[in-house]
């Protein structure tokens, strides 16, 4: 069963634009974050293959650019506060011939293991990012609490982590970066 996850407001400026669907199957996470961005699709793709300095409250380590145009790094989504490390390996961006959508195939590692992808499509007022986890297994000590991991994953991407964790993490930082508010 897929559930729409309410992420709540990000702050006084209005509702959080990041929407999620999520489900947990055993210790595997299936999510899709949909993020409308007031920037060109090519700018979103470029931000995904650069170090994710736009991810507020977190830290990127071991960033490596691959010769094929992809990259590999470890994201600490809430540095010094959450024990989870998300290793991300992105393939070179590939643009679809028929739909014009750019896809970056992903492989997650470190405290997670499994496939995903980032899809970026041009939209009337910018673009739309779909970040997908396709049955990513939870590994390590956090695998004992899969529902909690799913909760923190969705909230981290949405920038709505509960106190005392940092707010504004995840895709809201990307929006601010691309829309000139960083």
C-alpha atoms as a PDB file:
ATOM      1  CA  UNK A   1       0.000   0.000   0.000  1.00  0.00           C
ATOM      2  CA  UNK A   2       1.277   3.473  -0.869  1.00  0.00           C
ATOM      3  CA  UNK A   3       0.638   6.296   1.545  1.00  0.00           C
ATOM      4  CA  UNK A   4       0.819  10.013   0.935  1.00  0.00           C
ATOM      5  CA  UNK A   5       3.039  11.404   3.680  1.00  0.00           C
ATOM      6  CA  UNK A   6       2.059  14.785   5.093  1.00  0.00           C
ATOM      7  CA  UNK A   7       5.255  16.733   5.641  1.00  0.00           C
ATOM      8  CA  UNK A   8       3.706  19.840   7.123  1.00  0.00           C
ATOM      9  CA  UNK A   9       4.661  23.459   6.596  1.00  0.00           C
ATOM     10  CA  UNK A  10       8.284  24.471   6.273  1.00  0.00           C
ATOM     11  CA  UNK A  11       7.785  27.824   7.889  1.00  0.00           C
ATOM     12  CA  UNK A  12       5.796  31.020   7.839  1.00  0.00           C
ATOM     13  CA  UNK A  13       6.022  31.315   4.045  1.00  0.00           C
ATOM     14  CA  UNK A  14       3.421  28.633   3.395  1.00  0.00           C
ATOM     15  CA  UNK A  15       3.045  24.950   2.702  1.00  0.00           C
ATOM     16  CA  UNK A  16       5.970  22.725   1.934  1.00  0.00           C
ATOM     17  CA  UNK A  17       6.192  22.166  -1.850  1.00  0.00           C
ATOM     18  CA  UNK A  18       7.814  18.719  -1.440  1.00  0.00           C
ATOM     19  CA  UNK A  19       5.226  15.931  -1.740  1.00  0.00           C
ATOM     20  CA  UNK A  20       5.933  12.287  -0.915  1.00  0.00           C
ATOM     21  CA  UNK A  21       4.419   8.907  -1.444  1.00  0.00           C
ATOM     22  CA  UNK A  22       6.035   6.202   0.636  1.00  0.00           C
ATOM     23  CA  UNK A  23       5.717   2.606   1.667  1.00  0.00           C
ATOM     24  CA  UNK A  24       7.758   0.189   3.678  1.00  0.00           C
ATOM     25  CA  UNK A  25       8.016  -3.476   2.771  1.00  0.00           C
ATOM     26  CA  UNK A  26       9.947  -5.277   5.481  1.00  0.00           C
ATOM     27  CA  UNK A  27      13.198  -3.295   5.672  1.00  0.00           C
ATOM     28  CA  UNK A  28      12.901  -1.870   2.151  1.00  0.00           C
ATOM     29  CA  UNK A  29      11.908   1.724   1.471  1.00  0.00           C
ATOM     30  CA  UNK A  30       9.880   2.753  -1.574  1.00  0.00           C
ATOM     31  CA  UNK A  31       9.436   6.519  -1.879  1.00  0.00           C
ATOM     32  CA  UNK A  32       8.887   9.196  -4.464  1.00  0.00           C
ATOM     33  CA  UNK A  33       9.445  12.852  -3.676  1.00  0.00           C
ATOM     34  CA  UNK A  34       7.903  15.287  -6.144  1.00  0.00           C
ATOM     35  CA  UNK A  35       9.490  18.722  -6.100  1.00  0.00           C
ATOM     36  CA  UNK A  36       8.317  21.608  -8.321  1.00  0.00           C
ATOM     37  CA  UNK A  37      11.279  23.899  -9.041  1.00  0.00           C
ATOM     38  CA  UNK A  38      11.178  27.434 -10.470  1.00  0.00           C
ATOM     39  CA  UNK A  39      14.337  26.746 -12.488  1.00  0.00           C
ATOM     40  CA  UNK A  40      15.208  25.119 -15.796  1.00  0.00           C
ATOM     41  CA  UNK A  41      15.514  21.331 -15.864  1.00  0.00           C
ATOM     42  CA  UNK A  42      19.168  21.562 -16.939  1.00  0.00           C
ATOM     43  CA  UNK A  43      19.941  23.644 -13.821  1.00  0.00           C
ATOM     44  CA  UNK A  44      18.343  21.024 -11.574  1.00  0.00           C
ATOM     45  CA  UNK A  45      20.337  18.242 -13.251  1.00  0.00           C
ATOM     46  CA  UNK A  46      23.567  20.248 -12.863  1.00  0.00           C
ATOM     47  CA  UNK A  47      22.879  20.722  -9.129  1.00  0.00           C
ATOM     48  CA  UNK A  48      22.379  16.967  -8.681  1.00  0.00           C
ATOM     49  CA  UNK A  49      25.791  16.028 -10.117  1.00  0.00           C
ATOM     50  CA  UNK A  50      27.673  18.670  -8.105  1.00  0.00           C
ATOM     51  CA  UNK A  51      28.431  18.340  -4.367  1.00  0.00           C
ATOM     52  CA  UNK A  52      25.132  18.730  -2.525  1.00  0.00           C
ATOM     53  CA  UNK A  53      26.176  21.829  -0.571  1.00  0.00           C
ATOM     54  CA  UNK A  54      22.557  22.946  -0.948  1.00  0.00           C
ATOM     55  CA  UNK A  55      21.503  20.210   1.532  1.00  0.00           C
ATOM     56  CA  UNK A  56      21.205  22.413   4.649  1.00  0.00           C
ATOM     57  CA  UNK A  57      22.087  20.897   8.023  1.00  0.00           C
ATOM     58  CA  UNK A  58      23.921  17.989   6.431  1.00  0.00           C
ATOM     59  CA  UNK A  59      27.363  17.222   5.098  1.00  0.00           C
ATOM     60  CA  UNK A  60      28.766  15.606   1.974  1.00  0.00           C
ATOM     61  CA  UNK A  61      31.942  13.550   2.189  1.00  0.00           C
ATOM     62  CA  UNK A  62      34.035  11.666  -0.356  1.00  0.00           C
ATOM     63  CA  UNK A  63      32.627  13.446  -3.418  1.00  0.00           C
ATOM     64  CA  UNK A  64      34.053  11.955  -6.631  1.00  0.00           C
ATOM     65  CA  UNK A  65      33.182  12.994 -10.153  1.00  0.00           C
ATOM     66  CA  UNK A  66      33.190  10.073 -12.581  1.00  0.00           C
ATOM     67  CA  UNK A  67      34.563  10.307 -16.100  1.00  0.00           C
ATOM     68  CA  UNK A  68      31.156   9.408 -17.572  1.00  0.00           C
ATOM     69  CA  UNK A  69      29.537  12.528 -16.037  1.00  0.00           C
ATOM     70  CA  UNK A  70      28.097  10.856 -12.946  1.00  0.00           C
ATOM     71  CA  UNK A  71      29.274  11.171  -9.361  1.00  0.00           C
ATOM     72  CA  UNK A  72      29.580   9.326  -6.053  1.00  0.00           C
ATOM     73  CA  UNK A  73      29.463  10.651  -2.471  1.00  0.00           C
ATOM     74  CA  UNK A  74      28.170  10.075   1.039  1.00  0.00           C
ATOM     75  CA  UNK A  75      25.472  12.361   2.418  1.00  0.00           C
ATOM     76  CA  UNK A  76      25.056  12.789   6.166  1.00  0.00           C
ATOM     77  CA  UNK A  77      21.504  14.221   6.078  1.00  0.00           C
ATOM     78  CA  UNK A  78      21.602  15.771   9.566  1.00  0.00           C
ATOM     79  CA  UNK A  79      25.263  15.924  10.472  1.00  0.00           C
ATOM     80  CA  UNK A  80      26.093  15.012  14.096  1.00  0.00           C
ATOM     81  CA  UNK A  81      22.458  14.302  14.919  1.00  0.00           C
ATOM     82  CA  UNK A  82      21.269  11.346  12.839  1.00  0.00           C
ATOM     83  CA  UNK A  83      23.387   8.199  12.697  1.00  0.00           C
ATOM     84  CA  UNK A  84      22.471   7.412   9.076  1.00  0.00           C
ATOM     85  CA  UNK A  85      24.779   7.832   6.092  1.00  0.00           C
ATOM     86  CA  UNK A  86      23.282   7.796   2.613  1.00  0.00           C
ATOM     87  CA  UNK A  87      25.808   6.778  -0.024  1.00  0.00           C
ATOM     88  CA  UNK A  88      24.699   7.989  -3.443  1.00  0.00           C
ATOM     89  CA  UNK A  89      26.137   6.949  -6.775  1.00  0.00           C
ATOM     90  CA  UNK A  90      24.592   8.745  -9.749  1.00  0.00           C
ATOM     91  CA  UNK A  91      25.015   7.652 -13.346  1.00  0.00           C
ATOM     92  CA  UNK A  92      25.536  10.258 -16.027  1.00  0.00           C
ATOM     93  CA  UNK A  93      22.358  12.155 -16.914  1.00  0.00           C
ATOM     94  CA  UNK A  94      20.420  10.569 -19.801  1.00  0.00           C
ATOM     95  CA  UNK A  95      17.747  12.484 -21.706  1.00  0.00           C
ATOM     96  CA  UNK A  96      14.777  10.556 -23.040  1.00  0.00           C
ATOM     97  CA  UNK A  97      14.204  10.832 -26.772  1.00  0.00           C
ATOM     98  CA  UNK A  98      10.409  10.755 -26.581  1.00  0.00           C
ATOM     99  CA  UNK A  99       9.544  12.545 -23.337  1.00  0.00           C
ATOM    100  CA  UNK A 100      12.555  14.890 -22.991  1.00  0.00           C
ATOM    101  CA  UNK A 101      12.872  13.924 -19.329  1.00  0.00           C
ATOM    102  CA  UNK A 102      16.408  13.632 -17.934  1.00  0.00           C
ATOM    103  CA  UNK A 103      17.056  10.570 -15.778  1.00  0.00           C
ATOM    104  CA  UNK A 104      19.964   9.951 -13.425  1.00  0.00           C
ATOM    105  CA  UNK A 105      19.981   6.311 -12.343  1.00  0.00           C
ATOM    106  CA  UNK A 106      21.050   5.981  -8.712  1.00  0.00           C
ATOM    107  CA  UNK A 107      22.566   3.329  -6.512  1.00  0.00           C
ATOM    108  CA  UNK A 108      22.433   3.850  -2.756  1.00  0.00           C
ATOM    109  CA  UNK A 109      25.064   2.419  -0.405  1.00  0.00           C
ATOM    110  CA  UNK A 110      26.514   2.911   3.118  1.00  0.00           C
ATOM    111  CA  UNK A 111      23.579   2.523   5.576  1.00  0.00           C
ATOM    112  CA  UNK A 112      21.219   1.860   2.662  1.00  0.00           C
ATOM    113  CA  UNK A 113      21.465  -0.490  -0.301  1.00  0.00           C
ATOM    114  CA  UNK A 114      19.426  -0.421  -3.444  1.00  0.00           C
ATOM    115  CA  UNK A 115      18.352   1.300  -6.638  1.00  0.00           C
ATOM    116  CA  UNK A 116      16.682   4.594  -7.308  1.00  0.00           C
ATOM    117  CA  UNK A 117      16.617   7.415  -9.788  1.00  0.00           C
ATOM    118  CA  UNK A 118      16.240  11.144 -10.140  1.00  0.00           C
ATOM    119  CA  UNK A 119      13.996  12.296 -12.991  1.00  0.00           C
ATOM    120  CA  UNK A 120      13.845  15.924 -14.065  1.00  0.00           C
ATOM    121  CA  UNK A 121      11.232  17.194 -16.517  1.00  0.00           C
ATOM    122  CA  UNK A 122      10.618  20.657 -17.902  1.00  0.00           C
ATOM    123  CA  UNK A 123       7.315  22.147 -16.709  1.00  0.00           C
ATOM    124  CA  UNK A 124       5.374  25.316 -17.612  1.00  0.00           C
ATOM    125  CA  UNK A 125       6.855  27.391 -14.763  1.00  0.00           C
ATOM    126  CA  UNK A 126      10.245  25.685 -14.391  1.00  0.00           C
ATOM    127  CA  UNK A 127      10.724  21.967 -13.875  1.00  0.00           C
ATOM    128  CA  UNK A 128       9.726  19.032 -11.693  1.00  0.00           C
ATOM    129  CA  UNK A 129      12.108  16.704  -9.862  1.00  0.00           C
ATOM    130  CA  UNK A 130      11.036  13.160  -8.953  1.00  0.00           C
ATOM    131  CA  UNK A 131      13.432  11.489  -6.504  1.00  0.00           C
ATOM    132  CA  UNK A 132      12.679   7.771  -6.274  1.00  0.00           C
ATOM    133  CA  UNK A 133      13.863   5.034  -3.921  1.00  0.00           C
ATOM    134  CA  UNK A 134      12.923   1.648  -5.433  1.00  0.00           C
ATOM    135  CA  UNK A 135      13.141  -0.873  -2.616  1.00  0.00           C
ATOM    136  CA  UNK A 136      16.234   0.490  -0.882  1.00  0.00           C
ATOM    137  CA  UNK A 137      17.205  -1.811   1.995  1.00  0.00           C
ATOM    138  CA  UNK A 138      17.994  -0.347   5.395  1.00  0.00           C
ATOM    139  CA  UNK A 139      21.297  -1.681   6.754  1.00  0.00           C
ATOM    140  CA  UNK A 140      23.195  -1.457  10.018  1.00  0.00           C
ATOM    141  CA  UNK A 141      21.773  -0.704  13.466  1.00  0.00           C
ATOM    142  CA  UNK A 142      18.983   1.490  12.090  1.00  0.00           C
ATOM    143  CA  UNK A 143      17.518  -1.538  10.302  1.00  0.00           C
ATOM    144  CA  UNK A 144      15.961  -2.507  13.641  1.00  0.00           C
ATOM    145  CA  UNK A 145      13.550   0.443  13.426  1.00  0.00           C
ATOM    146  CA  UNK A 146      12.437   0.606   9.764  1.00  0.00           C
ATOM    147  CA  UNK A 147       9.308   2.726  10.358  1.00  0.00           C
ATOM    148  CA  UNK A 148      11.384   5.334  12.163  1.00  0.00           C
ATOM    149  CA  UNK A 149      13.938   5.329   9.338  1.00  0.00           C
ATOM    150  CA  UNK A 150      11.172   5.875   6.773  1.00  0.00           C
ATOM    151  CA  UNK A 151       9.779   8.750   8.876  1.00  0.00           C
ATOM    152  CA  UNK A 152      13.189  10.436   9.134  1.00  0.00           C
ATOM    153  CA  UNK A 153      13.969   9.830   5.441  1.00  0.00           C
ATOM    154  CA  UNK A 154      10.778  11.579   4.297  1.00  0.00           C
ATOM    155  CA  UNK A 155      11.130  14.390   6.842  1.00  0.00           C
ATOM    156  CA  UNK A 156      14.814  14.909   5.991  1.00  0.00           C
ATOM    157  CA  UNK A 157      14.084  15.251   2.269  1.00  0.00           C
ATOM    158  CA  UNK A 158      11.186  17.612   3.036  1.00  0.00           C
ATOM    159  CA  UNK A 159      13.149  19.786   5.460  1.00  0.00           C
ATOM    160  CA  UNK A 160      10.665  19.124   8.252  1.00  0.00           C
ATOM    161  CA  UNK A 161      12.684  17.155  10.782  1.00  0.00           C
ATOM    162  CA  UNK A 162      11.358  17.450  14.346  1.00  0.00           C
ATOM    163  CA  UNK A 163      13.127  19.486  17.032  1.00  0.00           C
ATOM    164  CA  UNK A 164      16.037  19.397  17.900  1.00  0.00           C
ATOM    165  CA  UNK A 165      17.071  18.277  14.411  1.00  0.00           C
ATOM    166  CA  UNK A 166      17.784  20.912  11.738  1.00  0.00           C
ATOM    167  CA  UNK A 167      14.903  22.261   9.647  1.00  0.00           C
ATOM    168  CA  UNK A 168      15.202  23.150   5.976  1.00  0.00           C
ATOM    169  CA  UNK A 169      17.247  20.054   5.087  1.00  0.00           C
ATOM    170  CA  UNK A 170      16.809  18.281   1.778  1.00  0.00           C
ATOM    171  CA  UNK A 171      14.997  19.613  -1.248  1.00  0.00           C
ATOM    172  CA  UNK A 172      13.992  22.992   0.255  1.00  0.00           C
ATOM    173  CA  UNK A 173      17.738  23.778   0.206  1.00  0.00           C
ATOM    174  CA  UNK A 174      17.851  22.836  -3.479  1.00  0.00           C
ATOM    175  CA  UNK A 175      14.892  25.122  -4.152  1.00  0.00           C
ATOM    176  CA  UNK A 176      16.556  28.031  -2.341  1.00  0.00           C
ATOM    177  CA  UNK A 177      19.834  27.380  -4.171  1.00  0.00           C
ATOM    178  CA  UNK A 178      18.254  27.237  -7.626  1.00  0.00           C
ATOM    179  CA  UNK A 179      15.786  30.025  -7.060  1.00  0.00           C
ATOM    180  CA  UNK A 180      18.499  32.410  -5.831  1.00  0.00           C
ATOM    181  CA  UNK A 181      17.619  32.466  -2.142  1.00  0.00           C
ATOM    182  CA  UNK A 182      20.627  30.505  -0.884  1.00  0.00           C
END
